[in-house]
Amino acid sequence: MSIDLDEEAALRHVTEQLKTSYGDRHTPEKIEDAVATARQSFTSLPIRTYVPVLDE
């Protein structure tokens, strides 16, 4: 399934927000890995609108 560019932008935004919020407790790499892991759990969903919110 192809990932929409809007979803990509939203996921980048969520990742940056999480880095800002939790950067004092977790490394940027750990946050990026957590977002990627969460994203993987939603890859089979046909409706992609809320994936960034669910990832966060």
PDB file of N, CA and C in Angstrom:
ATOM      1  N   MET A   1       0.841  -1.178   0.000  1.00  0.00           N
ATOM      2  CA  MET A   1       0.000   0.000   0.000  1.00  0.00           C
ATOM      3  C   MET A   1       0.885   1.240   0.000  1.00  0.00           C
ATOM      4  N   SER A   2       0.571   2.158  -0.839  1.00  0.00           N
ATOM      5  CA  SER A   2       1.320   3.405  -0.958  1.00  0.00           C
ATOM      6  C   SER A   2       0.931   4.366   0.165  1.00  0.00           C
ATOM      7  N   ILE A   3       1.940   5.027   0.714  1.00  0.00           N
ATOM      8  CA  ILE A   3       1.690   5.994   1.773  1.00  0.00           C
ATOM      9  C   ILE A   3       1.559   7.380   1.140  1.00  0.00           C
ATOM     10  N   ASP A   4       0.508   8.049   1.450  1.00  0.00           N
ATOM     11  CA  ASP A   4       0.199   9.381   0.943  1.00  0.00           C
ATOM     12  C   ASP A   4       1.213  10.403   1.481  1.00  0.00           C
ATOM     13  N   LEU A   5       1.545  11.402   0.658  1.00  0.00           N
ATOM     14  CA  LEU A   5       2.507  12.428   1.062  1.00  0.00           C
ATOM     15  C   LEU A   5       2.018  13.223   2.264  1.00  0.00           C
ATOM     16  N   ASP A   6       0.713  13.442   2.373  1.00  0.00           N
ATOM     17  CA  ASP A   6       0.170  14.136   3.536  1.00  0.00           C
ATOM     18  C   ASP A   6       0.403  13.327   4.806  1.00  0.00           C
ATOM     19  N   GLU A   7       0.271  12.014   4.690  1.00  0.00           N
ATOM     20  CA  GLU A   7       0.524  11.152   5.842  1.00  0.00           C
ATOM     21  C   GLU A   7       1.994  11.218   6.239  1.00  0.00           C
ATOM     22  N   GLU A   8       2.867  11.205   5.241  1.00  0.00           N
ATOM     23  CA  GLU A   8       4.302  11.320   5.517  1.00  0.00           C
ATOM     24  C   GLU A   8       4.613  12.613   6.259  1.00  0.00           C
ATOM     25  N   ALA A   9       4.050  13.718   5.773  1.00  0.00           N
ATOM     26  CA  ALA A   9       4.279  15.020   6.408  1.00  0.00           C
ATOM     27  C   ALA A   9       3.722  15.029   7.831  1.00  0.00           C
ATOM     28  N   ALA A  10       2.556  14.458   8.012  1.00  0.00           N
ATOM     29  CA  ALA A  10       1.947  14.404   9.344  1.00  0.00           C
ATOM     30  C   ALA A  10       2.795  13.559  10.292  1.00  0.00           C
ATOM     31  N   LEU A  11       3.319  12.447   9.794  1.00  0.00           N
ATOM     32  CA  LEU A  11       4.166  11.603  10.645  1.00  0.00           C
ATOM     33  C   LEU A  11       5.472  12.303  11.008  1.00  0.00           C
ATOM     34  N   ARG A  12       6.041  13.057  10.079  1.00  0.00           N
ATOM     35  CA  ARG A  12       7.243  13.841  10.403  1.00  0.00           C
ATOM     36  C   ARG A  12       6.923  14.874  11.474  1.00  0.00           C
ATOM     37  N   HIS A  13       5.775  15.509  11.338  1.00  0.00           N
ATOM     38  CA  HIS A  13       5.356  16.514  12.311  1.00  0.00           C
ATOM     39  C   HIS A  13       5.161  15.887  13.695  1.00  0.00           C
ATOM     40  N   VAL A  14       4.473  14.752  13.743  1.00  0.00           N
ATOM     41  CA  VAL A  14       4.259  14.048  15.010  1.00  0.00           C
ATOM     42  C   VAL A  14       5.594  13.664  15.632  1.00  0.00           C
ATOM     43  N   THR A  15       6.503  13.157  14.814  1.00  0.00           N
ATOM     44  CA  THR A  15       7.815  12.754  15.314  1.00  0.00           C
ATOM     45  C   THR A  15       8.552  13.939  15.922  1.00  0.00           C
ATOM     46  N   GLU A  16       8.511  15.066  15.257  1.00  0.00           N
ATOM     47  CA  GLU A  16       9.179  16.268  15.780  1.00  0.00           C
ATOM     48  C   GLU A  16       8.523  16.746  17.071  1.00  0.00           C
ATOM     49  N   GLN A  17       7.204  16.663  17.140  1.00  0.00           N
ATOM     50  CA  GLN A  17       6.511  17.047  18.372  1.00  0.00           C
ATOM     51  C   GLN A  17       6.916  16.134  19.524  1.00  0.00           C
ATOM     52  N   LEU A  18       7.000  14.854  19.246  1.00  0.00           N
ATOM     53  CA  LEU A  18       7.395  13.910  20.291  1.00  0.00           C
ATOM     54  C   LEU A  18       8.830  14.151  20.740  1.00  0.00           C
ATOM     55  N   LYS A  19       9.700  14.481  19.813  1.00  0.00           N
ATOM     56  CA  LYS A  19      11.089  14.798  20.172  1.00  0.00           C
ATOM     57  C   LYS A  19      11.139  16.015  21.083  1.00  0.00           C
ATOM     58  N   THR A  20      10.300  17.011  20.778  1.00  0.00           N
ATOM     59  CA  THR A  20      10.253  18.209  21.610  1.00  0.00           C
ATOM     60  C   THR A  20       9.708  17.880  22.998  1.00  0.00           C
ATOM     61  N   SER A  21       8.656  17.077  23.035  1.00  0.00           N
ATOM     62  CA  SER A  21       8.015  16.750  24.306  1.00  0.00           C
ATOM     63  C   SER A  21       8.817  15.776  25.164  1.00  0.00           C
ATOM     64  N   TYR A  22       9.488  14.827  24.525  1.00  0.00           N
ATOM     65  CA  TYR A  22      10.143  13.754  25.272  1.00  0.00           C
ATOM     66  C   TYR A  22      11.651  13.686  25.059  1.00  0.00           C
ATOM     67  N   GLY A  23      12.198  14.687  24.371  1.00  0.00           N
ATOM     68  CA  GLY A  23      13.623  14.692  24.073  1.00  0.00           C
ATOM     69  C   GLY A  23      14.521  14.732  25.295  1.00  0.00           C
ATOM     70  N   ASP A  24      13.990  15.181  26.410  1.00  0.00           N
ATOM     71  CA  ASP A  24      14.783  15.203  27.636  1.00  0.00           C
ATOM     72  C   ASP A  24      14.861  13.826  28.297  1.00  0.00           C
ATOM     73  N   ARG A  25      14.012  12.900  27.849  1.00  0.00           N
ATOM     74  CA  ARG A  25      13.982  11.548  28.432  1.00  0.00           C
ATOM     75  C   ARG A  25      14.377  10.443  27.469  1.00  0.00           C
ATOM     76  N   HIS A  26      14.285  10.733  26.164  1.00  0.00           N
ATOM     77  CA  HIS A  26      14.568   9.713  25.155  1.00  0.00           C
ATOM     78  C   HIS A  26      15.393  10.323  24.023  1.00  0.00           C
ATOM     79  N   THR A  27      16.233   9.511  23.418  1.00  0.00           N
ATOM     80  CA  THR A  27      17.039   9.982  22.295  1.00  0.00           C
ATOM     81  C   THR A  27      16.141  10.146  21.062  1.00  0.00           C
ATOM     82  N   PRO A  28      16.561  10.993  20.136  1.00  0.00           N
ATOM     83  CA  PRO A  28      15.780  11.138  18.895  1.00  0.00           C
ATOM     84  C   PRO A  28      15.613   9.802  18.165  1.00  0.00           C
ATOM     85  N   GLU A  29      16.642   8.978  18.199  1.00  0.00           N
ATOM     86  CA  GLU A  29      16.577   7.674  17.529  1.00  0.00           C
ATOM     87  C   GLU A  29      15.522   6.774  18.166  1.00  0.00           C
ATOM     88  N   LYS A  30      15.440   6.797  19.487  1.00  0.00           N
ATOM     89  CA  LYS A  30      14.456   5.963  20.184  1.00  0.00           C
ATOM     90  C   LYS A  30      13.038   6.421  19.833  1.00  0.00           C
ATOM     91  N   ILE A  31      12.837   7.727  19.756  1.00  0.00           N
ATOM     92  CA  ILE A  31      11.526   8.263  19.399  1.00  0.00           C
ATOM     93  C   ILE A  31      11.179   7.891  17.958  1.00  0.00           C
ATOM     94  N   GLU A  32      12.137   8.038  17.055  1.00  0.00           N
ATOM     95  CA  GLU A  32      11.901   7.668  15.651  1.00  0.00           C
ATOM     96  C   GLU A  32      11.589   6.185  15.531  1.00  0.00           C
ATOM     97  N   ASP A  33      12.295   5.349  16.271  1.00  0.00           N
ATOM     98  CA  ASP A  33      12.029   3.908  16.255  1.00  0.00           C
ATOM     99  C   ASP A  33      10.632   3.595  16.786  1.00  0.00           C
ATOM    100  N   ALA A  34      10.225   4.296  17.838  1.00  0.00           N
ATOM    101  CA  ALA A  34       8.892   4.066  18.410  1.00  0.00           C
ATOM    102  C   ALA A  34       7.804   4.444  17.408  1.00  0.00           C
ATOM    103  N   VAL A  35       7.982   5.559  16.718  1.00  0.00           N
ATOM    104  CA  VAL A  35       7.003   5.979  15.704  1.00  0.00           C
ATOM    105  C   VAL A  35       6.974   4.965  14.559  1.00  0.00           C
ATOM    106  N   ALA A  36       8.131   4.519  14.129  1.00  0.00           N
ATOM    107  CA  ALA A  36       8.199   3.537  13.037  1.00  0.00           C
ATOM    108  C   ALA A  36       7.532   2.226  13.437  1.00  0.00           C
ATOM    109  N   THR A  37       7.748   1.799  14.673  1.00  0.00           N
ATOM    110  CA  THR A  37       7.128   0.562  15.157  1.00  0.00           C
ATOM    111  C   THR A  37       5.611   0.713  15.206  1.00  0.00           C
ATOM    112  N   ALA A  38       5.145   1.832  15.722  1.00  0.00           N
ATOM    113  CA  ALA A  38       3.700   2.074  15.784  1.00  0.00           C
ATOM    114  C   ALA A  38       3.118   2.117  14.376  1.00  0.00           C
ATOM    115  N   ARG A  39       3.838   2.770  13.478  1.00  0.00           N
ATOM    116  CA  ARG A  39       3.364   2.890  12.092  1.00  0.00           C
ATOM    117  C   ARG A  39       3.221   1.511  11.446  1.00  0.00           C
ATOM    118  N   GLN A  40       4.148   0.632  11.715  1.00  0.00           N
ATOM    119  CA  GLN A  40       4.093  -0.718  11.141  1.00  0.00           C
ATOM    120  C   GLN A  40       2.814  -1.445  11.537  1.00  0.00           C
ATOM    121  N   SER A  41       2.336  -1.188  12.748  1.00  0.00           N
ATOM    122  CA  SER A  41       1.133  -1.892  13.196  1.00  0.00           C
ATOM    123  C   SER A  41      -0.129  -1.430  12.468  1.00  0.00           C
ATOM    124  N   PHE A  42      -0.038  -0.318  11.735  1.00  0.00           N
ATOM    125  CA  PHE A  42      -1.190   0.206  11.014  1.00  0.00           C
ATOM    126  C   PHE A  42      -1.061   0.076   9.502  1.00  0.00           C
ATOM    127  N   THR A  43      -0.045  -0.617   8.994  1.00  0.00           N
ATOM    128  CA  THR A  43       0.186  -0.665   7.544  1.00  0.00           C
ATOM    129  C   THR A  43      -0.940  -1.338   6.763  1.00  0.00           C
ATOM    130  N   SER A  44      -1.665  -2.237   7.385  1.00  0.00           N
ATOM    131  CA  SER A  44      -2.714  -2.942   6.651  1.00  0.00           C
ATOM    132  C   SER A  44      -4.058  -2.224   6.675  1.00  0.00           C
ATOM    133  N   LEU A  45      -4.150  -1.123   7.387  1.00  0.00           N
ATOM    134  CA  LEU A  45      -5.423  -0.414   7.464  1.00  0.00           C
ATOM    135  C   LEU A  45      -5.719   0.328   6.160  1.00  0.00           C
ATOM    136  N   PRO A  46      -6.903   0.146   5.607  1.00  0.00           N
ATOM    137  CA  PRO A  46      -7.223   0.793   4.338  1.00  0.00           C
ATOM    138  C   PRO A  46      -7.480   2.299   4.478  1.00  0.00           C
ATOM    139  N   ILE A  47      -7.962   2.733   5.620  1.00  0.00           N
ATOM    140  CA  ILE A  47      -8.226   4.158   5.827  1.00  0.00           C
ATOM    141  C   ILE A  47      -7.055   4.731   6.606  1.00  0.00           C
ATOM    142  N   ARG A  48      -6.331   5.649   5.987  1.00  0.00           N
ATOM    143  CA  ARG A  48      -5.060   6.137   6.521  1.00  0.00           C
ATOM    144  C   ARG A  48      -5.183   7.455   7.273  1.00  0.00           C
ATOM    145  N   THR A  49      -6.325   8.078   7.279  1.00  0.00           N
ATOM    146  CA  THR A  49      -6.511   9.428   7.794  1.00  0.00           C
ATOM    147  C   THR A  49      -5.960   9.621   9.204  1.00  0.00           C
ATOM    148  N   TYR A  50      -6.177   8.670  10.099  1.00  0.00           N
ATOM    149  CA  TYR A  50      -5.818   8.863  11.493  1.00  0.00           C
ATOM    150  C   TYR A  50      -4.544   8.150  11.915  1.00  0.00           C
ATOM    151  N   VAL A  51      -3.800   7.601  10.976  1.00  0.00           N
ATOM    152  CA  VAL A  51      -2.563   6.892  11.309  1.00  0.00           C
ATOM    153  C   VAL A  51      -1.590   7.773  12.091  1.00  0.00           C
ATOM    154  N   PRO A  52      -1.329   9.017  11.694  1.00  0.00           N
ATOM    155  CA  PRO A  52      -0.406   9.837  12.489  1.00  0.00           C
ATOM    156  C   PRO A  52      -0.869  10.043  13.930  1.00  0.00           C
ATOM    157  N   VAL A  53      -2.170  10.232  14.114  1.00  0.00           N
ATOM    158  CA  VAL A  53      -2.699  10.410  15.465  1.00  0.00           C
ATOM    159  C   VAL A  53      -2.529   9.122  16.265  1.00  0.00           C
ATOM    160  N   LEU A  54      -2.835   7.999  15.650  1.00  0.00           N
ATOM    161  CA  LEU A  54      -2.679   6.719  16.334  1.00  0.00           C
ATOM    162  C   LEU A  54      -1.211   6.434  16.649  1.00  0.00           C
ATOM    163  N   ASP A  55      -0.326   6.807  15.762  1.00  0.00           N
ATOM    164  CA  ASP A  55       1.103   6.629  16.015  1.00  0.00           C
ATOM    165  C   ASP A  55       1.537   7.409  17.239  1.00  0.00           C
ATOM    166  N   GLU A  56       1.070   8.639  17.331  1.00  0.00           N
ATOM    167  CA  GLU A  56       1.457   9.469  18.462  1.00  0.00           C
ATOM    168  C   GLU A  56       0.956   8.867  19.756  1.00  0.00           C
TER     169      GLU A  56
END
